[in-house]
Amino acid sequence: MQVFIKELGKYRGYLPRQIIKTLRGQALSGDLVGAKKGLEKIKLRLERGDSRYENCSS
């Protein structure tokens, strides 16, 4: 779980703060599989260049 939370830290500045907090909360509450799946979906969107995450500051 700690590894996942540290990985989330890499996305500060790229993702909105609320998304990072949501995924962190999911992991801490025990839904690590769901949190990882959510992060993977967001990574795919970032790779595609989805404009939803432009100019996000942590």
C-alpha atoms as a PDB file:
ATOM      1  CA  MET A   1       0.000   0.000   0.000  1.00  0.00           C
ATOM      2  CA  GLN A   2       2.812   2.431   0.861  1.00  0.00           C
ATOM      3  CA  VAL A   3       4.386   1.812  -2.547  1.00  0.00           C
ATOM      4  CA  PHE A   4       1.132   2.777  -4.246  1.00  0.00           C
ATOM      5  CA  ILE A   5       0.785   5.953  -2.191  1.00  0.00           C
ATOM      6  CA  LYS A   6       4.358   6.958  -3.059  1.00  0.00           C
ATOM      7  CA  GLU A   7       3.577   6.307  -6.723  1.00  0.00           C
ATOM      8  CA  LEU A   8       0.613   8.687  -6.455  1.00  0.00           C
ATOM      9  CA  GLY A   9       3.020  11.387  -5.326  1.00  0.00           C
ATOM     10  CA  LYS A  10       4.688  11.260  -8.740  1.00  0.00           C
ATOM     11  CA  TYR A  11       1.495  12.594 -10.301  1.00  0.00           C
ATOM     12  CA  ARG A  12       1.299  15.821  -8.296  1.00  0.00           C
ATOM     13  CA  GLY A  13       1.075  18.650 -10.738  1.00  0.00           C
ATOM     14  CA  TYR A  14      -0.302  16.346 -13.431  1.00  0.00           C
ATOM     15  CA  LEU A  15      -3.563  15.327 -11.764  1.00  0.00           C
ATOM     16  CA  PRO A  16      -6.107  17.348  -9.811  1.00  0.00           C
ATOM     17  CA  ARG A  17      -5.620  17.164  -6.055  1.00  0.00           C
ATOM     18  CA  GLN A  18      -9.081  15.664  -5.556  1.00  0.00           C
ATOM     19  CA  ILE A  19      -8.316  12.658  -7.772  1.00  0.00           C
ATOM     20  CA  ILE A  20      -5.088  11.966  -5.891  1.00  0.00           C
ATOM     21  CA  LYS A  21      -6.915  12.223  -2.561  1.00  0.00           C
ATOM     22  CA  THR A  22      -9.693   9.922  -3.791  1.00  0.00           C
ATOM     23  CA  LEU A  23      -7.269   7.229  -4.956  1.00  0.00           C
ATOM     24  CA  ARG A  24      -5.261   7.527  -1.729  1.00  0.00           C
ATOM     25  CA  GLY A  25      -8.434   7.168   0.326  1.00  0.00           C
ATOM     26  CA  GLN A  26      -9.465   4.098  -1.623  1.00  0.00           C
ATOM     27  CA  ALA A  27      -6.091   2.485  -0.984  1.00  0.00           C
ATOM     28  CA  LEU A  28      -6.115   3.328   2.724  1.00  0.00           C
ATOM     29  CA  SER A  29      -9.635   1.967   3.182  1.00  0.00           C
ATOM     30  CA  GLY A  30      -8.579  -1.388   1.741  1.00  0.00           C
ATOM     31  CA  ASP A  31      -9.669  -1.139  -1.885  1.00  0.00           C
ATOM     32  CA  LEU A  32      -6.136  -1.243  -3.272  1.00  0.00           C
ATOM     33  CA  VAL A  33      -7.233  -3.131  -6.402  1.00  0.00           C
ATOM     34  CA  GLY A  34      -9.811  -0.460  -7.235  1.00  0.00           C
ATOM     35  CA  ALA A  35      -7.351   2.354  -6.591  1.00  0.00           C
ATOM     36  CA  LYS A  36      -4.751   0.756  -8.866  1.00  0.00           C
ATOM     37  CA  LYS A  37      -7.358   0.240 -11.580  1.00  0.00           C
ATOM     38  CA  GLY A  38      -8.414   3.883 -11.320  1.00  0.00           C
ATOM     39  CA  LEU A  39      -4.814   5.062 -11.587  1.00  0.00           C
ATOM     40  CA  GLU A  40      -4.249   2.885 -14.655  1.00  0.00           C
ATOM     41  CA  LYS A  41      -7.293   4.434 -16.359  1.00  0.00           C
ATOM     42  CA  ILE A  42      -6.003   7.903 -15.585  1.00  0.00           C
ATOM     43  CA  LYS A  43      -2.519   7.000 -16.869  1.00  0.00           C
ATOM     44  CA  LEU A  44      -4.071   5.912 -20.168  1.00  0.00           C
ATOM     45  CA  ARG A  45      -5.935   9.216 -20.420  1.00  0.00           C
ATOM     46  CA  LEU A  46      -2.716  11.128 -19.758  1.00  0.00           C
ATOM     47  CA  GLU A  47      -0.901   9.160 -22.469  1.00  0.00           C
ATOM     48  CA  ARG A  48      -3.695   9.946 -24.941  1.00  0.00           C
ATOM     49  CA  GLY A  49      -3.332  13.610 -24.126  1.00  0.00           C
ATOM     50  CA  ASP A  50      -6.768  14.038 -22.587  1.00  0.00           C
ATOM     51  CA  SER A  51      -7.278  17.761 -22.037  1.00  0.00           C
ATOM     52  CA  ARG A  52      -9.083  17.250 -18.713  1.00  0.00           C
ATOM     53  CA  TYR A  53      -5.781  17.197 -16.881  1.00  0.00           C
ATOM     54  CA  GLU A  54      -4.060  20.178 -18.507  1.00  0.00           C
ATOM     55  CA  ASN A  55      -2.484  22.773 -16.228  1.00  0.00           C
ATOM     56  CA  CYS A  56      -3.261  20.905 -13.017  1.00  0.00           C
ATOM     57  CA  SER A  57      -1.366  22.108 -10.014  1.00  0.00           C
ATOM     58  CA  SER A  58      -1.110  20.096  -6.840  1.00  0.00           C
END
